[in-house]
Amino acid sequence: MVIKSTSKEEMLADTKETFERFRSINIKLVLKKCSFGVEEGPFLGHLITKQGIRANPSKVKAITNVEQLKTLKDVQSLNGKITALSRFLSKGVERSLPFFKVLKSSTDKKNIQWTQEAKATLQEMKKFVEILPTLTAPIQGEVLMMYLTTSTESISLALFTKREEEQFHIYLVSRVLQGAELNYPEMEKLILALVHAVRKLRRYFQAHIITVLTNSPIKQTLTKLEKSGRVAKWAIELGEHDIVFQERGDETPKDFLIEVTLEDNKNEAEEKADTKPMKTKLSCEWKLFTDGAASSDGSDTRLILIYPEGKEYTYALRFKFETTNNKVEYEALLVGL
């Protein structure tokens, strides 16, 4: 238990109130296990400081000190250490995928198939955990913001707050896509990331307004009449929360600049074009929807490309030059083609 206060006077008042509650229900404390007036200290595996919540240095050191992984147990131990820091890791699952693949491909517990990708990832991970962000706690009534991103095999999100034009992280979440989720359209993967955020961080969604910063038409997909069964189910689940969608700005963190992996969409489209024969002109028709707008803040465009089988590819682009609404519409068409 932690009694957290912002001043000495508040600390005395809060401690007195806590003791009174203990007495009312006959709870006794062991004095040797209590500390008072502490400015920082470990709690539930993290380091609580005046600045915020930091990763436990001992857990960071456990990763940076890893030398060689010779057995399957070593890789399992490393994955466990990374999981312990998952709250602080931006796109943590995506960074750890090479280790999961080593576990999946290794049948011999003593001789693992250690790939060059996994070796390079380990070195990057050592550097990355040394600069983990300090997490902060939200203030009552504060509007929180969220970034979403997807890759071929994972989804990730970042919850943060903005104070005095500076972004402060609150929680970082990521998870691996499994089974049929791997074949979801990129738009549905983004919605799934938002649904996972609601389930994982429900206490934040229940107490705050959440602004999702995105250049993808998530809101339009959730509200359109013609949508798949799972999207309709997700729309109902998300509808109970106060979620606002807003365009991204220039301050987007580099880890979340790319919302969807466009290269994967391109490769997938090429594979389908190579493997599936042309039937009729009507059955192989693609549909392209474009929209663009210009304002004093800049100009941007959005595209939705619909494959004959109904799969959607979405793309958003922001222009860094002055233009007009008509020119932006033409730019959108050219990008779409």
C-alpha atoms as a PDB file:
ATOM      1  CA  MET A   1       0.000   0.000   0.000  1.00  0.00           C
ATOM      2  CA  VAL A   2       1.176   3.512  -0.861  1.00  0.00           C
ATOM      3  CA  ILE A   3      -0.170   6.732   0.611  1.00  0.00           C
ATOM      4  CA  LYS A   4       0.872   9.303  -1.974  1.00  0.00           C
ATOM      5  CA  SER A   5       0.717  13.041  -1.231  1.00  0.00           C
ATOM      6  CA  THR A   6       2.030  16.167  -2.930  1.00  0.00           C
ATOM      7  CA  SER A   7       3.042  18.110   0.209  1.00  0.00           C
ATOM      8  CA  LYS A   8       3.999  17.535   3.854  1.00  0.00           C
ATOM      9  CA  GLU A   9       0.653  18.869   5.113  1.00  0.00           C
ATOM     10  CA  GLU A  10      -1.289  16.573   2.778  1.00  0.00           C
ATOM     11  CA  MET A  11       0.885  13.625   3.787  1.00  0.00           C
ATOM     12  CA  LEU A  12       0.056  14.086   7.478  1.00  0.00           C
ATOM     13  CA  ALA A  13      -3.662  14.484   6.761  1.00  0.00           C
ATOM     14  CA  ASP A  14      -3.762  11.489   4.401  1.00  0.00           C
ATOM     15  CA  THR A  15      -1.835   9.291   6.849  1.00  0.00           C
ATOM     16  CA  LYS A  16      -4.179  10.267   9.687  1.00  0.00           C
ATOM     17  CA  GLU A  17      -7.233   9.449   7.573  1.00  0.00           C
ATOM     18  CA  THR A  18      -5.743   6.065   6.619  1.00  0.00           C
ATOM     19  CA  PHE A  19      -4.972   5.186  10.249  1.00  0.00           C
ATOM     20  CA  GLU A  20      -8.516   6.089  11.265  1.00  0.00           C
ATOM     21  CA  ARG A  21      -9.894   3.725   8.648  1.00  0.00           C
ATOM     22  CA  PHE A  22      -7.565   0.975   9.868  1.00  0.00           C
ATOM     23  CA  ARG A  23      -8.764   1.432  13.442  1.00  0.00           C
ATOM     24  CA  SER A  24     -12.421   1.346  12.383  1.00  0.00           C
ATOM     25  CA  ILE A  25     -11.995  -2.155  10.921  1.00  0.00           C
ATOM     26  CA  ASN A  26      -9.330  -3.338  13.383  1.00  0.00           C
ATOM     27  CA  ILE A  27      -6.373  -3.602  10.955  1.00  0.00           C
ATOM     28  CA  LYS A  28      -2.929  -3.557  12.561  1.00  0.00           C
ATOM     29  CA  LEU A  29       0.378  -2.732  10.843  1.00  0.00           C
ATOM     30  CA  VAL A  30       3.864  -4.158  11.364  1.00  0.00           C
ATOM     31  CA  LEU A  31       6.017  -1.101  12.061  1.00  0.00           C
ATOM     32  CA  LYS A  32       9.201  -2.701  10.719  1.00  0.00           C
ATOM     33  CA  LYS A  33       7.564  -2.997   7.298  1.00  0.00           C
ATOM     34  CA  CYS A  34       6.392   0.625   7.179  1.00  0.00           C
ATOM     35  CA  SER A  35       8.206   3.683   5.802  1.00  0.00           C
ATOM     36  CA  PHE A  36       7.079   7.312   6.114  1.00  0.00           C
ATOM     37  CA  GLY A  37       8.139  10.496   4.329  1.00  0.00           C
ATOM     38  CA  VAL A  38       9.779   8.577   1.483  1.00  0.00           C
ATOM     39  CA  GLU A  39      10.304  10.574  -1.717  1.00  0.00           C
ATOM     40  CA  GLU A  40      10.756   7.507  -3.913  1.00  0.00           C
ATOM     41  CA  GLY A  41      10.952   3.742  -3.662  1.00  0.00           C
ATOM     42  CA  PRO A  42      10.093   0.394  -5.300  1.00  0.00           C
ATOM     43  CA  PHE A  43       6.443  -0.668  -5.423  1.00  0.00           C
ATOM     44  CA  LEU A  44       4.893  -3.652  -7.248  1.00  0.00           C
ATOM     45  CA  GLY A  45       7.997  -4.093  -9.388  1.00  0.00           C
ATOM     46  CA  HIS A  46       8.283  -0.428 -10.418  1.00  0.00           C
ATOM     47  CA  LEU A  47      10.127   2.597  -9.037  1.00  0.00           C
ATOM     48  CA  ILE A  48       7.772   5.333  -7.791  1.00  0.00           C
ATOM     49  CA  THR A  49       9.339   8.829  -7.868  1.00  0.00           C
ATOM     50  CA  LYS A  50       8.194  12.441  -7.683  1.00  0.00           C
ATOM     51  CA  GLN A  51       8.541  12.654 -11.468  1.00  0.00           C
ATOM     52  CA  GLY A  52       6.415   9.559 -12.105  1.00  0.00           C
ATOM     53  CA  ILE A  53       6.678   5.778 -12.491  1.00  0.00           C
ATOM     54  CA  ARG A  54       9.994   4.423 -13.707  1.00  0.00           C
ATOM     55  CA  ALA A  55      11.160   0.977 -14.689  1.00  0.00           C
ATOM     56  CA  ASN A  56      12.924  -0.893 -11.914  1.00  0.00           C
ATOM     57  CA  PRO A  57      16.698  -0.471 -12.552  1.00  0.00           C
ATOM     58  CA  SER A  58      17.350  -4.067 -11.475  1.00  0.00           C
ATOM     59  CA  LYS A  59      15.010  -5.352 -14.202  1.00  0.00           C
ATOM     60  CA  VAL A  60      16.619  -3.120 -16.813  1.00  0.00           C
ATOM     61  CA  LYS A  61      20.057  -4.351 -15.735  1.00  0.00           C
ATOM     62  CA  ALA A  62      18.885  -7.976 -16.037  1.00  0.00           C
ATOM     63  CA  ILE A  63      18.338  -7.398 -19.773  1.00  0.00           C
ATOM     64  CA  THR A  64      21.409  -5.276 -20.490  1.00  0.00           C
ATOM     65  CA  ASN A  65      23.637  -7.886 -18.785  1.00  0.00           C
ATOM     66  CA  VAL A  66      22.429 -10.739 -21.017  1.00  0.00           C
ATOM     67  CA  GLU A  67      25.433 -12.047 -22.965  1.00  0.00           C
ATOM     68  CA  GLN A  68      24.634 -15.254 -24.828  1.00  0.00           C
ATOM     69  CA  LEU A  69      21.442 -17.277 -25.086  1.00  0.00           C
ATOM     70  CA  LYS A  70      22.445 -20.895 -25.507  1.00  0.00           C
ATOM     71  CA  THR A  71      19.380 -22.856 -24.439  1.00  0.00           C
ATOM     72  CA  LEU A  72      15.627 -22.620 -24.815  1.00  0.00           C
ATOM     73  CA  LYS A  73      15.357 -21.779 -21.131  1.00  0.00           C
ATOM     74  CA  ASP A  74      17.596 -18.727 -21.654  1.00  0.00           C
ATOM     75  CA  VAL A  75      15.265 -17.377 -24.353  1.00  0.00           C
ATOM     76  CA  GLN A  76      12.214 -18.040 -22.174  1.00  0.00           C
ATOM     77  CA  SER A  77      13.879 -16.180 -19.320  1.00  0.00           C
ATOM     78  CA  LEU A  78      14.653 -13.214 -21.600  1.00  0.00           C
ATOM     79  CA  ASN A  79      11.035 -13.059 -22.795  1.00  0.00           C
ATOM     80  CA  GLY A  80       9.901 -13.039 -19.169  1.00  0.00           C
ATOM     81  CA  LYS A  81      12.218 -10.131 -18.365  1.00  0.00           C
ATOM     82  CA  ILE A  82      10.952  -8.160 -21.374  1.00  0.00           C
ATOM     83  CA  THR A  83       7.333  -8.844 -20.382  1.00  0.00           C
ATOM     84  CA  ALA A  84       8.031  -7.420 -16.915  1.00  0.00           C
ATOM     85  CA  LEU A  85       8.883  -4.102 -18.618  1.00  0.00           C
ATOM     86  CA  SER A  86       6.071  -4.235 -21.199  1.00  0.00           C
ATOM     87  CA  ARG A  87       4.261  -1.246 -19.686  1.00  0.00           C
ATOM     88  CA  PHE A  88       7.284   0.933 -20.543  1.00  0.00           C
ATOM     89  CA  LEU A  89       8.107  -0.598 -23.943  1.00  0.00           C
ATOM     90  CA  SER A  90       6.879   1.158 -27.062  1.00  0.00           C
ATOM     91  CA  LYS A  91       5.748  -1.548 -29.536  1.00  0.00           C
ATOM     92  CA  GLY A  92       7.281  -4.096 -27.173  1.00  0.00           C
ATOM     93  CA  VAL A  93       5.725  -7.191 -28.761  1.00  0.00           C
ATOM     94  CA  GLU A  94       6.849  -6.168 -32.237  1.00  0.00           C
ATOM     95  CA  ARG A  95      10.401  -5.715 -30.945  1.00  0.00           C
ATOM     96  CA  SER A  96      10.279  -9.140 -29.274  1.00  0.00           C
ATOM     97  CA  LEU A  97       8.872 -11.120 -32.221  1.00  0.00           C
ATOM     98  CA  PRO A  98      12.266 -12.566 -33.266  1.00  0.00           C
ATOM     99  CA  PHE A  99      12.601 -14.117 -29.784  1.00  0.00           C
ATOM    100  CA  PHE A 100       9.119 -15.667 -30.025  1.00  0.00           C
ATOM    101  CA  LYS A 101      10.037 -17.114 -33.429  1.00  0.00           C
ATOM    102  CA  VAL A 102      13.167 -18.683 -31.928  1.00  0.00           C
ATOM    103  CA  LEU A 103      11.013 -20.319 -29.244  1.00  0.00           C
ATOM    104  CA  LYS A 104       8.536 -21.548 -31.839  1.00  0.00           C
ATOM    105  CA  SER A 105      11.143 -22.980 -34.210  1.00  0.00           C
ATOM    106  CA  SER A 106      13.388 -24.641 -31.592  1.00  0.00           C
ATOM    107  CA  THR A 107      12.611 -28.277 -30.864  1.00  0.00           C
ATOM    108  CA  ASP A 108      15.830 -29.044 -29.015  1.00  0.00           C
ATOM    109  CA  LYS A 109      15.928 -27.428 -25.563  1.00  0.00           C
ATOM    110  CA  LYS A 110      19.728 -27.411 -25.462  1.00  0.00           C
ATOM    111  CA  ASN A 111      20.525 -26.278 -29.030  1.00  0.00           C
ATOM    112  CA  ILE A 112      18.345 -23.367 -30.106  1.00  0.00           C
ATOM    113  CA  GLN A 113      18.196 -22.056 -33.667  1.00  0.00           C
ATOM    114  CA  TRP A 114      19.518 -18.564 -32.936  1.00  0.00           C
ATOM    115  CA  THR A 115      18.957 -16.357 -36.023  1.00  0.00           C
ATOM    116  CA  GLN A 116      20.888 -13.274 -37.072  1.00  0.00           C
ATOM    117  CA  GLU A 117      17.664 -11.253 -36.735  1.00  0.00           C
ATOM    118  CA  ALA A 118      17.278 -12.367 -33.125  1.00  0.00           C
ATOM    119  CA  LYS A 119      20.919 -11.477 -32.358  1.00  0.00           C
ATOM    120  CA  ALA A 120      20.497  -7.996 -33.826  1.00  0.00           C
ATOM    121  CA  THR A 121      17.205  -7.548 -31.963  1.00  0.00           C
ATOM    122  CA  LEU A 122      18.869  -8.433 -28.661  1.00  0.00           C
ATOM    123  CA  GLN A 123      21.499  -5.729 -29.145  1.00  0.00           C
ATOM    124  CA  GLU A 124      18.813  -3.165 -30.046  1.00  0.00           C
ATOM    125  CA  MET A 125      16.724  -4.191 -27.050  1.00  0.00           C
ATOM    126  CA  LYS A 126      19.677  -3.632 -24.696  1.00  0.00           C
ATOM    127  CA  LYS A 127      20.047  -0.060 -25.953  1.00  0.00           C
ATOM    128  CA  PHE A 128      16.305   0.590 -25.941  1.00  0.00           C
ATOM    129  CA  VAL A 129      15.645  -0.457 -22.326  1.00  0.00           C
ATOM    130  CA  GLU A 130      18.278   2.017 -21.122  1.00  0.00           C
ATOM    131  CA  ILE A 131      16.112   4.956 -22.282  1.00  0.00           C
ATOM    132  CA  LEU A 132      12.656   3.800 -21.195  1.00  0.00           C
ATOM    133  CA  PRO A 133      10.185   6.664 -20.604  1.00  0.00           C
ATOM    134  CA  THR A 134       8.953   7.800 -17.201  1.00  0.00           C
ATOM    135  CA  LEU A 135       5.217   7.182 -16.919  1.00  0.00           C
ATOM    136  CA  THR A 136       2.872   9.632 -15.239  1.00  0.00           C
ATOM    137  CA  ALA A 137      -0.516   9.307 -13.535  1.00  0.00           C
ATOM    138  CA  PRO A 138      -3.494  11.145 -15.065  1.00  0.00           C
ATOM    139  CA  ILE A 139      -5.205  14.005 -13.242  1.00  0.00           C
ATOM    140  CA  GLN A 140      -8.931  13.795 -12.547  1.00  0.00           C
ATOM    141  CA  GLY A 141     -10.940  15.260 -15.424  1.00  0.00           C
ATOM    142  CA  GLU A 142      -7.934  15.353 -17.757  1.00  0.00           C
ATOM    143  CA  VAL A 143      -8.460  14.499 -21.441  1.00  0.00           C
ATOM    144  CA  LEU A 144      -6.135  11.640 -22.423  1.00  0.00           C
ATOM    145  CA  MET A 145      -4.780  10.961 -25.908  1.00  0.00           C
ATOM    146  CA  MET A 146      -3.919   7.748 -27.726  1.00  0.00           C
ATOM    147  CA  TYR A 147      -1.896   6.620 -30.747  1.00  0.00           C
ATOM    148  CA  LEU A 148      -2.573   3.336 -32.561  1.00  0.00           C
ATOM    149  CA  THR A 149      -0.350   1.360 -34.915  1.00  0.00           C
ATOM    150  CA  THR A 150      -0.385  -2.070 -36.540  1.00  0.00           C
ATOM    151  CA  SER A 151       2.089  -4.370 -38.222  1.00  0.00           C
ATOM    152  CA  THR A 152       1.774  -7.712 -39.962  1.00  0.00           C
ATOM    153  CA  GLU A 153       1.827  -9.677 -36.702  1.00  0.00           C
ATOM    154  CA  SER A 154       1.086  -7.221 -33.869  1.00  0.00           C
ATOM    155  CA  ILE A 155      -0.922  -4.222 -32.707  1.00  0.00           C
ATOM    156  CA  SER A 156       0.352  -1.462 -30.404  1.00  0.00           C
ATOM    157  CA  LEU A 157      -0.948   1.659 -28.690  1.00  0.00           C
ATOM    158  CA  ALA A 158       0.294   4.487 -26.503  1.00  0.00           C
ATOM    159  CA  LEU A 159      -1.810   6.351 -23.930  1.00  0.00           C
ATOM    160  CA  PHE A 160      -0.479   9.747 -22.907  1.00  0.00           C
ATOM    161  CA  THR A 161      -1.442  13.189 -21.664  1.00  0.00           C
ATOM    162  CA  LYS A 162      -0.367  16.627 -22.857  1.00  0.00           C
ATOM    163  CA  ARG A 163       0.700  19.230 -20.303  1.00  0.00           C
ATOM    164  CA  GLU A 164       2.268  22.563 -21.222  1.00  0.00           C
ATOM    165  CA  GLU A 165       2.755  21.440 -24.842  1.00  0.00           C
ATOM    166  CA  GLU A 166       4.703  18.342 -23.727  1.00  0.00           C
ATOM    167  CA  GLN A 167       3.572  14.743 -24.014  1.00  0.00           C
ATOM    168  CA  PHE A 168       3.794  12.438 -20.986  1.00  0.00           C
ATOM    169  CA  HIS A 169       3.298   8.683 -21.346  1.00  0.00           C
ATOM    170  CA  ILE A 170       0.740   6.957 -19.131  1.00  0.00           C
ATOM    171  CA  TYR A 171       0.693   3.407 -20.500  1.00  0.00           C
ATOM    172  CA  LEU A 172       2.161   1.490 -23.467  1.00  0.00           C
ATOM    173  CA  VAL A 173       0.424  -1.679 -24.665  1.00  0.00           C
ATOM    174  CA  SER A 174       1.051  -4.174 -27.464  1.00  0.00           C
ATOM    175  CA  ARG A 175       0.074  -7.734 -28.272  1.00  0.00           C
ATOM    176  CA  VAL A 176       0.593 -10.413 -30.920  1.00  0.00           C
ATOM    177  CA  LEU A 177      -2.101 -11.085 -33.523  1.00  0.00           C
ATOM    178  CA  GLN A 178      -3.240 -14.690 -33.502  1.00  0.00           C
ATOM    179  CA  GLY A 179      -5.118 -16.997 -35.851  1.00  0.00           C
ATOM    180  CA  ALA A 180      -7.610 -15.240 -38.115  1.00  0.00           C
ATOM    181  CA  GLU A 181      -6.552 -11.832 -36.761  1.00  0.00           C
ATOM    182  CA  LEU A 182      -3.427 -12.031 -38.928  1.00  0.00           C
ATOM    183  CA  ASN A 183      -5.656 -11.845 -42.031  1.00  0.00           C
ATOM    184  CA  TYR A 184      -7.785  -8.899 -40.878  1.00  0.00           C
ATOM    185  CA  PRO A 185      -7.739  -5.816 -43.138  1.00  0.00           C
ATOM    186  CA  GLU A 186      -5.486  -3.085 -41.793  1.00  0.00           C
ATOM    187  CA  MET A 187      -8.470  -0.918 -40.828  1.00  0.00           C
ATOM    188  CA  GLU A 188      -9.909  -3.752 -38.721  1.00  0.00           C
ATOM    189  CA  LYS A 189      -6.514  -4.261 -37.076  1.00  0.00           C
ATOM    190  CA  LEU A 190      -6.554  -0.606 -36.004  1.00  0.00           C
ATOM    191  CA  ILE A 191     -10.061  -0.985 -34.583  1.00  0.00           C
ATOM    192  CA  LEU A 192      -8.954  -4.191 -32.825  1.00  0.00           C
ATOM    193  CA  ALA A 193      -6.081  -2.224 -31.254  1.00  0.00           C
ATOM    194  CA  LEU A 194      -8.611   0.294 -29.915  1.00  0.00           C
ATOM    195  CA  VAL A 195     -10.853  -2.493 -28.604  1.00  0.00           C
ATOM    196  CA  HIS A 196      -7.859  -4.128 -26.902  1.00  0.00           C
ATOM    197  CA  ALA A 197      -7.035  -0.746 -25.330  1.00  0.00           C
ATOM    198  CA  VAL A 198     -10.568  -0.474 -23.924  1.00  0.00           C
ATOM    199  CA  ARG A 199     -10.338  -3.947 -22.399  1.00  0.00           C
ATOM    200  CA  LYS A 200      -6.802  -3.524 -21.062  1.00  0.00           C
ATOM    201  CA  LEU A 201      -7.144   0.068 -19.819  1.00  0.00           C
ATOM    202  CA  ARG A 202     -10.838   0.125 -18.901  1.00  0.00           C
ATOM    203  CA  ARG A 203     -10.289   2.221 -15.759  1.00  0.00           C
ATOM    204  CA  TYR A 204      -8.851   5.054 -17.862  1.00  0.00           C
ATOM    205  CA  PHE A 205     -11.685   4.923 -20.421  1.00  0.00           C
ATOM    206  CA  GLN A 206     -14.298   4.974 -17.654  1.00  0.00           C
ATOM    207  CA  ALA A 207     -12.817   8.019 -15.894  1.00  0.00           C
ATOM    208  CA  HIS A 208     -11.583  10.156 -18.815  1.00  0.00           C
ATOM    209  CA  ILE A 209     -12.403  11.378 -22.301  1.00  0.00           C
ATOM    210  CA  ILE A 210     -10.019   9.612 -24.709  1.00  0.00           C
ATOM    211  CA  THR A 211      -8.917  11.378 -27.903  1.00  0.00           C
ATOM    212  CA  VAL A 212      -7.630   8.936 -30.529  1.00  0.00           C
ATOM    213  CA  LEU A 213      -5.132  10.665 -32.825  1.00  0.00           C
ATOM    214  CA  THR A 214      -5.386   8.986 -36.219  1.00  0.00           C
ATOM    215  CA  ASN A 215      -5.309   9.759 -39.931  1.00  0.00           C
ATOM    216  CA  SER A 216      -7.337   6.632 -40.721  1.00  0.00           C
ATOM    217  CA  PRO A 217     -11.161   6.787 -41.073  1.00  0.00           C
ATOM    218  CA  ILE A 218     -11.831   4.617 -38.013  1.00  0.00           C
ATOM    219  CA  LYS A 219     -14.925   6.586 -36.994  1.00  0.00           C
ATOM    220  CA  GLN A 220     -16.434   6.310 -40.480  1.00  0.00           C
ATOM    221  CA  THR A 221     -15.819   2.559 -40.520  1.00  0.00           C
ATOM    222  CA  LEU A 222     -17.482   2.103 -37.123  1.00  0.00           C
ATOM    223  CA  THR A 223     -20.534   4.207 -38.022  1.00  0.00           C
ATOM    224  CA  LYS A 224     -21.209   3.125 -41.608  1.00  0.00           C
ATOM    225  CA  LEU A 225     -24.305   0.986 -42.140  1.00  0.00           C
ATOM    226  CA  GLU A 226     -22.573  -1.748 -44.141  1.00  0.00           C
ATOM    227  CA  LYS A 227     -19.943  -3.312 -41.895  1.00  0.00           C
ATOM    228  CA  SER A 228     -18.831  -6.813 -41.002  1.00  0.00           C
ATOM    229  CA  GLY A 229     -20.233  -8.648 -37.992  1.00  0.00           C
ATOM    230  CA  ARG A 230     -17.119  -8.257 -35.873  1.00  0.00           C
ATOM    231  CA  VAL A 231     -16.861  -4.526 -36.646  1.00  0.00           C
ATOM    232  CA  ALA A 232     -20.496  -4.098 -35.619  1.00  0.00           C
ATOM    233  CA  LYS A 233     -19.762  -5.949 -32.373  1.00  0.00           C
ATOM    234  CA  TRP A 234     -16.717  -3.749 -31.732  1.00  0.00           C
ATOM    235  CA  ALA A 235     -18.737  -0.601 -32.457  1.00  0.00           C
ATOM    236  CA  ILE A 236     -21.211  -1.557 -29.721  1.00  0.00           C
ATOM    237  CA  GLU A 237     -18.395  -2.261 -27.255  1.00  0.00           C
ATOM    238  CA  LEU A 238     -16.672   1.052 -28.008  1.00  0.00           C
ATOM    239  CA  GLY A 239     -19.935   2.996 -27.951  1.00  0.00           C
ATOM    240  CA  GLU A 240     -20.216   2.952 -24.163  1.00  0.00           C
ATOM    241  CA  HIS A 241     -17.070   5.071 -23.791  1.00  0.00           C
ATOM    242  CA  ASP A 242     -16.412   8.744 -24.510  1.00  0.00           C
ATOM    243  CA  ILE A 243     -13.988   8.423 -27.440  1.00  0.00           C
ATOM    244  CA  VAL A 244     -13.135  11.319 -29.757  1.00  0.00           C
ATOM    245  CA  PHE A 245     -11.252  10.936 -33.049  1.00  0.00           C
ATOM    246  CA  GLN A 246      -8.852  13.666 -34.125  1.00  0.00           C
ATOM    247  CA  GLU A 247      -6.233  14.076 -36.839  1.00  0.00           C
ATOM    248  CA  ARG A 248      -2.613  13.574 -35.914  1.00  0.00           C
ATOM    249  CA  GLY A 249      -0.256  16.512 -35.592  1.00  0.00           C
ATOM    250  CA  ASP A 250       3.437  17.019 -36.225  1.00  0.00           C
ATOM    251  CA  GLU A 251       4.315  15.917 -32.672  1.00  0.00           C
ATOM    252  CA  THR A 252       3.505  12.243 -33.360  1.00  0.00           C
ATOM    253  CA  PRO A 253       6.209  10.004 -31.779  1.00  0.00           C
ATOM    254  CA  LYS A 254       8.435   8.326 -34.342  1.00  0.00           C
ATOM    255  CA  ASP A 255       7.377   4.853 -33.168  1.00  0.00           C
ATOM    256  CA  PHE A 256       3.778   5.650 -34.126  1.00  0.00           C
ATOM    257  CA  LEU A 257       4.280   7.649 -37.321  1.00  0.00           C
ATOM    258  CA  ILE A 258       3.157   4.680 -39.431  1.00  0.00           C
ATOM    259  CA  GLU A 259      -0.308   3.467 -38.449  1.00  0.00           C
ATOM    260  CA  VAL A 260      -0.512   0.582 -40.931  1.00  0.00           C
ATOM    261  CA  THR A 261       2.153  -1.292 -42.850  1.00  0.00           C
ATOM    262  CA  LEU A 262       1.549  -0.200 -46.435  1.00  0.00           C
ATOM    263  CA  GLU A 263       4.234  -2.526 -47.816  1.00  0.00           C
ATOM    264  CA  ASP A 264       2.372  -5.537 -46.420  1.00  0.00           C
ATOM    265  CA  ASN A 265      -0.794  -4.419 -48.194  1.00  0.00           C
ATOM    266  CA  LYS A 266       1.113  -4.045 -51.444  1.00  0.00           C
ATOM    267  CA  ASN A 267       2.717  -7.481 -51.171  1.00  0.00           C
ATOM    268  CA  GLU A 268      -0.601  -9.081 -50.284  1.00  0.00           C
ATOM    269  CA  ALA A 269      -2.325  -7.468 -53.257  1.00  0.00           C
ATOM    270  CA  GLU A 270       0.459  -8.664 -55.575  1.00  0.00           C
ATOM    271  CA  GLU A 271       0.206 -12.223 -54.226  1.00  0.00           C
ATOM    272  CA  LYS A 272      -3.549 -12.299 -54.800  1.00  0.00           C
ATOM    273  CA  ALA A 273      -3.123 -10.860 -58.284  1.00  0.00           C
ATOM    274  CA  ASP A 274      -0.584 -13.589 -59.141  1.00  0.00           C
ATOM    275  CA  THR A 275      -2.469 -16.520 -57.641  1.00  0.00           C
ATOM    276  CA  LYS A 276      -6.096 -15.712 -58.560  1.00  0.00           C
ATOM    277  CA  PRO A 277      -7.102 -15.842 -62.246  1.00  0.00           C
ATOM    278  CA  MET A 278      -9.014 -13.003 -63.866  1.00  0.00           C
ATOM    279  CA  LYS A 279     -12.698 -13.894 -64.108  1.00  0.00           C
ATOM    280  CA  THR A 280     -14.760 -11.161 -65.665  1.00  0.00           C
ATOM    281  CA  LYS A 281     -14.222  -7.472 -66.029  1.00  0.00           C
ATOM    282  CA  LEU A 282     -16.878  -6.735 -63.401  1.00  0.00           C
ATOM    283  CA  SER A 283     -15.553  -9.209 -60.789  1.00  0.00           C
ATOM    284  CA  CYS A 284     -12.017  -7.734 -60.955  1.00  0.00           C
ATOM    285  CA  GLU A 285     -13.050  -4.123 -60.556  1.00  0.00           C
ATOM    286  CA  TRP A 286     -11.381  -2.093 -57.819  1.00  0.00           C
ATOM    287  CA  LYS A 287     -13.077   0.904 -56.204  1.00  0.00           C
ATOM    288  CA  LEU A 288     -11.184   4.027 -55.153  1.00  0.00           C
ATOM    289  CA  PHE A 289     -12.621   6.725 -52.869  1.00  0.00           C
ATOM    290  CA  THR A 290     -10.592   9.907 -52.307  1.00  0.00           C
ATOM    291  CA  ASP A 291     -11.059  13.033 -50.274  1.00  0.00           C
ATOM    292  CA  GLY A 292      -8.817  16.025 -49.627  1.00  0.00           C
ATOM    293  CA  ALA A 293      -8.998  19.337 -47.835  1.00  0.00           C
ATOM    294  CA  ALA A 294      -6.820  22.429 -47.469  1.00  0.00           C
ATOM    295  CA  SER A 295      -6.741  24.954 -44.642  1.00  0.00           C
ATOM    296  CA  SER A 296      -4.432  27.448 -42.958  1.00  0.00           C
ATOM    297  CA  ASP A 297      -3.016  24.573 -40.873  1.00  0.00           C
ATOM    298  CA  GLY A 298      -2.025  22.556 -43.943  1.00  0.00           C
ATOM    299  CA  SER A 299      -3.592  20.103 -46.334  1.00  0.00           C
ATOM    300  CA  ASP A 300      -4.143  16.384 -46.281  1.00  0.00           C
ATOM    301  CA  THR A 301      -5.881  13.603 -48.147  1.00  0.00           C
ATOM    302  CA  ARG A 302      -7.409  10.226 -47.368  1.00  0.00           C
ATOM    303  CA  LEU A 303      -7.995   7.246 -49.610  1.00  0.00           C
ATOM    304  CA  ILE A 304      -9.961   4.014 -49.396  1.00  0.00           C
ATOM    305  CA  LEU A 305      -9.185   1.351 -51.997  1.00  0.00           C
ATOM    306  CA  ILE A 306     -11.631  -1.587 -52.066  1.00  0.00           C
ATOM    307  CA  TYR A 307     -10.515  -4.922 -53.463  1.00  0.00           C
ATOM    308  CA  PRO A 308     -13.114  -6.893 -55.507  1.00  0.00           C
ATOM    309  CA  GLU A 309     -13.594  -9.332 -52.620  1.00  0.00           C
ATOM    310  CA  GLY A 310     -14.473  -6.479 -50.265  1.00  0.00           C
ATOM    311  CA  LYS A 311     -11.149  -5.978 -48.484  1.00  0.00           C
ATOM    312  CA  GLU A 312     -10.277  -2.329 -47.817  1.00  0.00           C
ATOM    313  CA  TYR A 313      -6.905  -0.596 -47.909  1.00  0.00           C
ATOM    314  CA  THR A 314      -6.750   2.826 -46.262  1.00  0.00           C
ATOM    315  CA  TYR A 315      -4.103   5.508 -46.579  1.00  0.00           C
ATOM    316  CA  ALA A 316      -3.653   9.044 -45.267  1.00  0.00           C
ATOM    317  CA  LEU A 317      -1.202  11.654 -46.522  1.00  0.00           C
ATOM    318  CA  ARG A 318      -0.355  15.147 -45.274  1.00  0.00           C
ATOM    319  CA  PHE A 319       1.123  17.775 -47.604  1.00  0.00           C
ATOM    320  CA  LYS A 320       3.748  20.223 -46.360  1.00  0.00           C
ATOM    321  CA  PHE A 321       3.029  22.894 -48.980  1.00  0.00           C
ATOM    322  CA  GLU A 322       0.310  25.478 -49.518  1.00  0.00           C
ATOM    323  CA  THR A 323      -2.395  24.473 -51.997  1.00  0.00           C
ATOM    324  CA  THR A 324      -6.118  24.707 -52.714  1.00  0.00           C
ATOM    325  CA  ASN A 325      -8.995  22.288 -52.170  1.00  0.00           C
ATOM    326  CA  ASN A 326      -9.171  21.475 -55.892  1.00  0.00           C
ATOM    327  CA  LYS A 327      -5.457  20.719 -56.129  1.00  0.00           C
ATOM    328  CA  VAL A 328      -5.621  18.510 -53.045  1.00  0.00           C
ATOM    329  CA  GLU A 329      -8.429  16.511 -54.682  1.00  0.00           C
ATOM    330  CA  TYR A 330      -6.226  15.955 -57.744  1.00  0.00           C
ATOM    331  CA  GLU A 331      -3.277  14.976 -55.542  1.00  0.00           C
ATOM    332  CA  ALA A 332      -5.504  12.454 -53.765  1.00  0.00           C
ATOM    333  CA  LEU A 333      -6.528  10.909 -57.092  1.00  0.00           C
ATOM    334  CA  LEU A 334      -2.896  10.677 -58.271  1.00  0.00           C
ATOM    335  CA  VAL A 335      -1.793   9.031 -55.018  1.00  0.00           C
ATOM    336  CA  GLY A 336      -4.693   6.614 -55.251  1.00  0.00           C
ATOM    337  CA  LEU A 337      -3.824   5.627 -58.829  1.00  0.00           C
END
